[in-house]
Amino acid sequence: MPEVVREPRMHFYKVPKLGSYMAIKLEYESCLFEEALSVAVMDYLDVKQREKEQEEEKR
């Protein structure tokens, strides 16, 4: 497996740190149907709400 830190296509906003990058395999069947798009939008809104709640808890 090639080393990500030395990959010329990678852009670092700051100095890269060990263990700060993660890649996951993402699989999905299709988003060609209106129902799949609706589920994706609802999931996105749920994630954003949870992020907002986490930020409030941090404060």
Protein backbone atom coordinates (compact mmCIF):
# COMPACT_ATOMS: atom_id res chain seq x y z
CA MET A 1 0.00 0.00 0.00
CA PRO A 2 1.50 3.39 -0.97
CA GLU A 3 2.20 5.92 1.75
CA VAL A 4 -0.41 8.69 1.79
CA VAL A 5 1.92 11.34 3.21
CA ARG A 6 4.22 11.11 0.19
CA GLU A 7 1.37 11.13 -2.37
CA PRO A 8 1.78 14.29 -4.52
CA ARG A 9 -1.99 14.62 -5.02
CA MET A 10 -2.57 15.00 -1.26
CA HIS A 11 -2.96 18.53 0.07
CA PHE A 12 -2.12 19.27 3.69
CA TYR A 13 -3.44 22.44 5.31
CA LYS A 14 -0.86 22.01 8.07
CA VAL A 15 1.98 19.62 8.78
CA PRO A 16 0.75 16.02 8.38
CA LYS A 17 0.56 14.06 11.62
CA LEU A 18 0.84 10.30 12.05
CA GLY A 19 -2.52 8.57 12.36
CA SER A 20 -4.54 11.59 11.31
CA TYR A 21 -5.92 10.13 8.08
CA MET A 22 -8.46 7.39 7.55
CA ALA A 23 -9.92 5.89 4.41
CA ILE A 24 -13.07 3.81 4.29
CA LYS A 25 -14.63 1.71 1.59
CA LEU A 26 -17.94 3.28 0.61
CA GLU A 27 -20.50 1.16 -1.22
CA TYR A 28 -24.02 2.03 -2.25
CA GLU A 29 -26.46 0.47 -4.64
CA SER A 30 -27.88 3.50 -6.37
CA CYS A 31 -29.29 6.95 -5.83
CA LEU A 32 -31.26 6.99 -9.06
CA PHE A 33 -34.57 6.71 -7.25
CA GLU A 34 -36.36 9.55 -5.52
CA GLU A 35 -36.74 7.49 -2.34
CA ALA A 36 -32.97 6.95 -2.09
CA LEU A 37 -32.36 10.68 -2.46
CA SER A 38 -34.93 11.47 0.22
CA VAL A 39 -33.28 9.02 2.63
CA ALA A 40 -29.87 10.56 1.91
CA VAL A 41 -31.17 14.08 2.60
CA MET A 42 -32.79 12.97 5.87
CA ASP A 43 -29.57 11.25 6.91
CA TYR A 44 -27.57 14.40 6.09
CA LEU A 45 -29.92 16.54 8.18
CA ASP A 46 -29.66 14.07 11.06
CA VAL A 47 -25.86 14.16 10.94
CA LYS A 48 -25.83 17.96 10.91
CA GLN A 49 -28.21 18.06 13.90
CA ARG A 50 -25.99 15.65 15.85
CA GLU A 51 -22.90 17.72 15.02
CA LYS A 52 -24.67 20.84 16.28
CA GLU A 53 -25.63 19.06 19.53
CA GLN A 54 -22.05 17.87 20.02
CA GLU A 55 -20.71 21.40 19.55
CA GLU A 56 -23.19 22.69 22.14
CA GLU A 57 -22.13 19.97 24.59
CA LYS A 58 -18.48 20.91 24.11
CA ARG A 59 -19.24 24.52 25.08
